[in-house]
Amino acid sequence: MTDPWLRGSIPGIPELLQPAAHAFVLAKEDIDAATSGLTAEQVWAQPGGITPIGFHLAHLAGSTGRLLAHGRGAALTDAQREQLKREKIITTLRPSLTELLAEWHAALEAAFAQLAATPPESLTEVRTLGKGLPTTVGGCVFHAAEHAGRHAGQVVTTAKLVRAL
């Protein structure tokens, strides 16, 4: 299949934000394909001590929302703070693949809505992360998309490994 960036523009997304939108689409497609048919054991397997697929999915949903909140200049909500705490114990909670994918897909829907609503002229507006780390609206948006791609790669690789075992 042709990569998303070669399929043309995504309707409703400003042209300057198309690369981020395409990266999110590719991450979604890669993750959906890689996780199809995995068992609960495979989702939470840690061969050789690697991070399980379940963590990557929970972290993707949470981190995407947090990064994009910073991009909007919004403080993290109580729910986002709770989600961050949940990520730290997610391997104990072990939610189902269905639940994890639903959370990731919801985070993507929110991301696309935010991309559609982001005026391109705002991309250079200053934002801060965490304890005052400097960035911009564009920095938050593009890091969220790049971060999704990195974790999608981990999911793909880990899924291949756990299927081979």
Foldseek 3Di string as FASTA:
>chain_A
DDQQVVVDADPLFDPVCRVLLSLLVNLLVLLCVLCPPDDLCLQLDQVVNHHGVLLLLLCLLLLLVQLLCQLVVHDDDPVSVVSVVCSVCVSVVSDDPVVSSVSNVVSSVVLVVSSSVDDPVQQADWTADDPRHIDGSVRSSNVSSVSSNVSSVVSNVSSVVSVVD
